[in-house]
Amino acid sequence: MKTRAKTTLISTLFVLFLVLCVVAGMSLFNGISTVSAQAATVEPTDLTFMLNDDNQSYKVRVLDKTAKSITIPSSYDGLPVTAIDDSGFTGCTALEKIVIPSSVKYIGNNAFMR
């Protein structure tokens, strides 16, 4: 009888462990999905790219001022993105996160003014 009780206990613990793993995995998956969705809030198509005076690089400004998260690409149309335009993100009051690549060497006046 003791052997049967041990077997039942071990089986129960194993099932609980599996359930816990599945729940944890689902939570992790949901977290990744949420982060990915937030990171993709603003796509490069929601940004305006303008050639700089050198015609060798771009400056950027946002079109969607309600964005919570923005990732500026390091290049556009084969040329580097090197600047954020003057007032380029002004009025983005919901903005919580912005990823600026190392290619950006200039941030314009009032670029992030609320």
N, C-alpha and C. Protein backbone atom coordinates (compact mmCIF):
# COMPACT_ATOMS: atom_id res chain seq x y z
N MET A 1 0.81 -1.18 0.00
CA MET A 1 0.00 0.00 0.00
C MET A 1 0.86 1.25 0.00
N LYS A 2 1.97 1.23 0.75
CA LYS A 2 2.85 2.38 0.78
C LYS A 2 3.44 2.65 -0.60
N THR A 3 3.77 1.63 -1.34
CA THR A 3 4.32 1.78 -2.68
C THR A 3 3.30 2.45 -3.59
N ARG A 4 2.05 2.03 -3.47
CA ARG A 4 0.99 2.62 -4.30
C ARG A 4 0.80 4.10 -3.94
N ALA A 5 0.87 4.44 -2.67
CA ALA A 5 0.72 5.83 -2.24
C ALA A 5 1.88 6.67 -2.78
N LYS A 6 3.09 6.14 -2.74
CA LYS A 6 4.25 6.84 -3.28
C LYS A 6 4.09 7.07 -4.78
N THR A 7 3.65 6.03 -5.48
CA THR A 7 3.46 6.13 -6.92
C THR A 7 2.41 7.18 -7.25
N THR A 8 1.33 7.20 -6.50
CA THR A 8 0.27 8.19 -6.72
C THR A 8 0.79 9.59 -6.44
N LEU A 9 1.53 9.75 -5.36
CA LEU A 9 2.10 11.05 -5.01
C LEU A 9 3.07 11.53 -6.08
N ILE A 10 3.94 10.66 -6.53
CA ILE A 10 4.91 11.02 -7.57
C ILE A 10 4.18 11.38 -8.87
N SER A 11 3.18 10.60 -9.22
CA SER A 11 2.40 10.88 -10.43
C SER A 11 1.70 12.23 -10.32
N THR A 12 1.13 12.51 -9.18
CA THR A 12 0.43 13.78 -8.97
C THR A 12 1.41 14.95 -9.05
N LEU A 13 2.56 14.81 -8.42
CA LEU A 13 3.57 15.87 -8.48
C LEU A 13 4.07 16.08 -9.90
N PHE A 14 4.23 15.01 -10.64
CA PHE A 14 4.67 15.11 -12.03
C PHE A 14 3.64 15.85 -12.87
N VAL A 15 2.37 15.53 -12.69
CA VAL A 15 1.30 16.20 -13.44
C VAL A 15 1.26 17.69 -13.07
N LEU A 16 1.38 18.00 -11.80
CA LEU A 16 1.40 19.40 -11.36
C LEU A 16 2.59 20.14 -11.97
N PHE A 17 3.73 19.47 -12.01
CA PHE A 17 4.92 20.07 -12.62
C PHE A 17 4.67 20.37 -14.11
N LEU A 18 4.06 19.44 -14.83
CA LEU A 18 3.77 19.65 -16.24
C LEU A 18 2.79 20.81 -16.44
N VAL A 19 1.77 20.86 -15.59
CA VAL A 19 0.79 21.95 -15.68
C VAL A 19 1.49 23.29 -15.42
N LEU A 20 2.34 23.33 -14.43
CA LEU A 20 3.08 24.55 -14.11
C LEU A 20 3.96 24.97 -15.29
N CYS A 21 4.62 24.02 -15.91
CA CYS A 21 5.47 24.32 -17.07
C CYS A 21 4.65 24.89 -18.23
N VAL A 22 3.49 24.31 -18.47
CA VAL A 22 2.63 24.79 -19.56
C VAL A 22 2.16 26.20 -19.27
N VAL A 23 1.71 26.45 -18.03
CA VAL A 23 1.23 27.78 -17.66
C VAL A 23 2.36 28.80 -17.76
N ALA A 24 3.54 28.45 -17.26
CA ALA A 24 4.69 29.36 -17.34
C ALA A 24 5.07 29.62 -18.79
N GLY A 25 5.03 28.60 -19.61
CA GLY A 25 5.34 28.76 -21.03
C GLY A 25 4.34 29.66 -21.72
N MET A 26 3.08 29.51 -21.40
CA MET A 26 2.06 30.37 -22.00
C MET A 26 2.24 31.82 -21.56
N SER A 27 2.58 32.03 -20.30
CA SER A 27 2.81 33.38 -19.79
C SER A 27 4.01 34.01 -20.50
N LEU A 28 5.07 33.25 -20.66
CA LEU A 28 6.25 33.74 -21.35
C LEU A 28 5.91 34.09 -22.79
N PHE A 29 5.17 33.23 -23.47
CA PHE A 29 4.79 33.45 -24.85
C PHE A 29 3.95 34.72 -24.97
N ASN A 30 3.00 34.90 -24.07
CA ASN A 30 2.17 36.11 -24.11
C ASN A 30 3.02 37.34 -23.88
N GLY A 31 3.99 37.28 -22.99
CA GLY A 31 4.88 38.41 -22.75
C GLY A 31 5.68 38.76 -23.98
N ILE A 32 6.18 37.76 -24.69
CA ILE A 32 6.95 38.00 -25.91
C ILE A 32 6.06 38.62 -26.97
N SER A 33 4.85 38.11 -27.11
CA SER A 33 3.93 38.67 -28.10
C SER A 33 3.64 40.12 -27.81
N THR A 34 3.43 40.46 -26.55
CA THR A 34 3.14 41.84 -26.18
C THR A 34 4.31 42.75 -26.49
N VAL A 35 5.51 42.31 -26.14
CA VAL A 35 6.69 43.12 -26.41
C VAL A 35 6.86 43.31 -27.91
N SER A 36 6.67 42.26 -28.69
CA SER A 36 6.81 42.38 -30.13
C SER A 36 5.78 43.33 -30.71
N ALA A 37 4.56 43.25 -30.20
CA ALA A 37 3.52 44.15 -30.69
C ALA A 37 3.85 45.59 -30.36
N GLN A 38 4.38 45.84 -29.17
CA GLN A 38 4.73 47.20 -28.80
C GLN A 38 5.91 47.70 -29.63
N ALA A 39 6.87 46.84 -29.86
CA ALA A 39 8.03 47.25 -30.63
C ALA A 39 7.64 47.58 -32.06
N ALA A 40 6.60 46.95 -32.56
CA ALA A 40 6.16 47.17 -33.92
C ALA A 40 5.08 48.24 -34.01
N THR A 41 4.88 49.02 -32.95
CA THR A 41 3.84 50.04 -32.98
C THR A 41 4.03 50.98 -34.16
N VAL A 42 5.23 51.39 -34.39
CA VAL A 42 5.51 52.26 -35.53
C VAL A 42 6.45 51.55 -36.47
N GLU A 43 5.98 51.30 -37.65
CA GLU A 43 6.78 50.67 -38.70
C GLU A 43 7.49 51.78 -39.50
N PRO A 44 8.52 51.43 -40.24
CA PRO A 44 9.17 52.45 -41.08
C PRO A 44 8.20 53.17 -42.02
N THR A 45 7.08 52.52 -42.36
CA THR A 45 6.10 53.18 -43.23
C THR A 45 5.36 54.28 -42.48
N ASP A 46 5.43 54.30 -41.14
CA ASP A 46 4.80 55.35 -40.33
C ASP A 46 5.78 56.47 -40.00
N LEU A 47 6.92 56.42 -40.62
CA LEU A 47 7.93 57.47 -40.46
C LEU A 47 8.13 58.14 -41.81
N THR A 48 8.50 59.39 -41.78
CA THR A 48 8.82 60.10 -43.02
C THR A 48 10.34 60.23 -43.09
N PHE A 49 10.90 59.83 -44.21
CA PHE A 49 12.35 59.91 -44.43
C PHE A 49 12.60 60.98 -45.48
N MET A 50 13.48 61.92 -45.17
CA MET A 50 13.81 63.00 -46.09
C MET A 50 15.31 63.01 -46.32
N LEU A 51 15.70 63.16 -47.56
CA LEU A 51 17.13 63.21 -47.87
C LEU A 51 17.76 64.43 -47.20
N ASN A 52 18.92 64.23 -46.61
CA ASN A 52 19.68 65.35 -46.07
C ASN A 52 20.29 66.12 -47.23
N ASP A 53 20.84 67.29 -46.92
CA ASP A 53 21.44 68.14 -47.96
C ASP A 53 22.56 67.43 -48.73
N ASP A 54 23.21 66.46 -48.10
CA ASP A 54 24.31 65.75 -48.76
C ASP A 54 23.84 64.71 -49.77
N ASN A 55 22.54 64.45 -49.82
CA ASN A 55 21.95 63.43 -50.71
C ASN A 55 22.56 62.04 -50.50
N GLN A 56 23.18 61.83 -49.34
CA GLN A 56 23.83 60.56 -49.04
C GLN A 56 23.24 59.89 -47.80
N SER A 57 22.30 60.56 -47.16
CA SER A 57 21.71 60.05 -45.92
C SER A 57 20.33 60.66 -45.70
N TYR A 58 19.63 60.10 -44.72
CA TYR A 58 18.26 60.55 -44.44
C TYR A 58 18.12 61.11 -43.04
N LYS A 59 17.12 61.99 -42.89
CA LYS A 59 16.63 62.40 -41.58
C LYS A 59 15.20 61.87 -41.47
N VAL A 60 14.72 61.73 -40.27
CA VAL A 60 13.44 61.07 -40.05
C VAL A 60 12.54 61.92 -39.18
N ARG A 61 11.22 61.74 -39.38
CA ARG A 61 10.20 62.32 -38.51
C ARG A 61 9.03 61.35 -38.47
N VAL A 62 8.23 61.42 -37.43
CA VAL A 62 7.13 60.49 -37.23
C VAL A 62 5.85 61.01 -37.87
N LEU A 63 5.02 60.08 -38.36
CA LEU A 63 3.70 60.44 -38.87
C LEU A 63 2.62 60.18 -37.82
N ASP A 64 2.76 59.10 -37.05
CA ASP A 64 1.76 58.70 -36.07
C ASP A 64 2.15 59.25 -34.69
N LYS A 65 1.56 60.35 -34.30
CA LYS A 65 1.91 61.00 -33.03
C LYS A 65 1.30 60.30 -31.82
N THR A 66 0.51 59.23 -32.04
CA THR A 66 -0.08 58.48 -30.93
C THR A 66 0.73 57.24 -30.57
N ALA A 67 1.85 57.05 -31.23
CA ALA A 67 2.67 55.85 -31.02
C ALA A 67 3.22 55.79 -29.60
N LYS A 68 3.27 54.58 -29.06
CA LYS A 68 3.86 54.35 -27.75
C LYS A 68 5.31 53.91 -27.87
N SER A 69 5.64 53.25 -28.98
CA SER A 69 6.99 52.71 -29.16
C SER A 69 7.41 52.93 -30.61
N ILE A 70 8.64 53.37 -30.78
CA ILE A 70 9.17 53.66 -32.12
C ILE A 70 10.57 53.08 -32.23
N THR A 71 10.83 52.42 -33.34
CA THR A 71 12.18 51.96 -33.66
C THR A 71 12.59 52.62 -34.97
N ILE A 72 13.61 53.44 -34.91
CA ILE A 72 14.12 54.09 -36.11
C ILE A 72 15.12 53.13 -36.75
N PRO A 73 14.95 52.82 -38.03
CA PRO A 73 15.92 51.92 -38.68
C PRO A 73 17.25 52.64 -38.92
N SER A 74 18.31 51.89 -39.00
CA SER A 74 19.62 52.49 -39.22
C SER A 74 19.82 52.90 -40.68
N SER A 75 19.01 52.34 -41.58
CA SER A 75 19.10 52.74 -42.98
C SER A 75 17.72 52.72 -43.62
N TYR A 76 17.61 53.43 -44.71
CA TYR A 76 16.36 53.49 -45.47
C TYR A 76 16.74 53.63 -46.94
N ASP A 77 16.14 52.81 -47.75
CA ASP A 77 16.37 52.86 -49.20
C ASP A 77 17.85 52.83 -49.55
N GLY A 78 18.61 52.03 -48.77
CA GLY A 78 20.02 51.83 -49.05
C GLY A 78 20.96 52.90 -48.51
N LEU A 79 20.41 53.91 -47.83
CA LEU A 79 21.25 54.97 -47.28
C LEU A 79 21.06 55.04 -45.77
N PRO A 80 22.07 55.49 -45.03
CA PRO A 80 21.94 55.54 -43.57
C PRO A 80 20.97 56.63 -43.11
N VAL A 81 20.32 56.36 -41.98
CA VAL A 81 19.50 57.37 -41.32
C VAL A 81 20.42 58.02 -40.28
N THR A 82 20.73 59.30 -40.48
CA THR A 82 21.74 59.95 -39.65
C THR A 82 21.19 61.07 -38.77
N ALA A 83 19.90 61.41 -38.93
CA ALA A 83 19.38 62.54 -38.17
C ALA A 83 17.90 62.38 -37.85
N ILE A 84 17.51 63.00 -36.75
CA ILE A 84 16.10 63.16 -36.41
C ILE A 84 15.79 64.62 -36.71
N ASP A 85 14.78 64.86 -37.51
CA ASP A 85 14.45 66.20 -37.98
C ASP A 85 14.05 67.13 -36.84
N ASP A 86 14.23 68.43 -37.03
CA ASP A 86 13.75 69.42 -36.07
C ASP A 86 12.25 69.17 -35.82
N SER A 87 11.86 69.13 -34.58
CA SER A 87 10.46 68.87 -34.18
C SER A 87 9.94 67.55 -34.73
N GLY A 88 10.83 66.63 -35.04
CA GLY A 88 10.46 65.37 -35.68
C GLY A 88 9.50 64.49 -34.90
N PHE A 89 9.54 64.56 -33.58
CA PHE A 89 8.66 63.76 -32.75
C PHE A 89 7.86 64.64 -31.77
N THR A 90 7.80 65.93 -32.06
CA THR A 90 7.06 66.86 -31.21
C THR A 90 5.58 66.45 -31.19
N GLY A 91 5.01 66.46 -30.00
CA GLY A 91 3.60 66.13 -29.85
C GLY A 91 3.33 64.66 -29.63
N CYS A 92 4.35 63.83 -29.56
CA CYS A 92 4.18 62.40 -29.31
C CYS A 92 4.03 62.18 -27.80
N THR A 93 2.89 62.55 -27.26
CA THR A 93 2.70 62.53 -25.81
C THR A 93 2.55 61.13 -25.24
N ALA A 94 2.22 60.15 -26.07
CA ALA A 94 2.07 58.76 -25.59
C ALA A 94 3.39 57.98 -25.66
N LEU A 95 4.42 58.58 -26.24
CA LEU A 95 5.68 57.89 -26.47
C LEU A 95 6.33 57.44 -25.16
N GLU A 96 6.55 56.13 -25.05
CA GLU A 96 7.18 55.53 -23.88
C GLU A 96 8.58 55.00 -24.19
N LYS A 97 8.81 54.62 -25.45
CA LYS A 97 10.08 54.00 -25.81
C LYS A 97 10.44 54.39 -27.24
N ILE A 98 11.71 54.73 -27.43
CA ILE A 98 12.21 54.96 -28.78
C ILE A 98 13.59 54.33 -28.88
N VAL A 99 13.81 53.61 -29.95
CA VAL A 99 15.11 53.00 -30.22
C VAL A 99 15.76 53.82 -31.33
N ILE A 100 16.90 54.42 -31.00
CA ILE A 100 17.64 55.25 -31.94
C ILE A 100 18.93 54.53 -32.29
N PRO A 101 19.13 54.22 -33.57
CA PRO A 101 20.35 53.48 -33.95
C PRO A 101 21.59 54.36 -33.83
N SER A 102 22.73 53.73 -33.77
CA SER A 102 24.00 54.46 -33.64
C SER A 102 24.32 55.27 -34.90
N SER A 103 23.62 55.01 -35.99
CA SER A 103 23.84 55.78 -37.22
C SER A 103 23.36 57.22 -37.07
N VAL A 104 22.44 57.47 -36.14
CA VAL A 104 21.91 58.82 -35.92
C VAL A 104 22.96 59.63 -35.16
N LYS A 105 23.44 60.68 -35.81
CA LYS A 105 24.47 61.54 -35.24
C LYS A 105 23.94 62.92 -34.86
N TYR A 106 22.73 63.25 -35.29
CA TYR A 106 22.17 64.56 -35.02
C TYR A 106 20.70 64.42 -34.62
N ILE A 107 20.34 65.07 -33.53
CA ILE A 107 18.94 65.14 -33.09
C ILE A 107 18.56 66.61 -33.15
N GLY A 108 17.57 66.92 -33.97
CA GLY A 108 17.18 68.29 -34.24
C GLY A 108 16.59 69.04 -33.05
N ASN A 109 16.48 70.33 -33.21
CA ASN A 109 15.89 71.20 -32.20
C ASN A 109 14.45 70.81 -31.92
N ASN A 110 14.08 70.76 -30.65
CA ASN A 110 12.72 70.45 -30.23
C ASN A 110 12.23 69.09 -30.75
N ALA A 111 13.15 68.18 -30.99
CA ALA A 111 12.80 66.89 -31.59
C ALA A 111 11.78 66.11 -30.77
N PHE A 112 11.84 66.23 -29.45
CA PHE A 112 10.93 65.46 -28.60
C PHE A 112 10.10 66.36 -27.68
N MET A 113 9.86 67.56 -28.11
CA MET A 113 9.07 68.49 -27.32
C MET A 113 7.63 68.00 -27.22
N ARG A 114 7.06 68.04 -26.03
CA ARG A 114 5.68 67.59 -25.85
C ARG A 114 4.76 68.69 -26.28
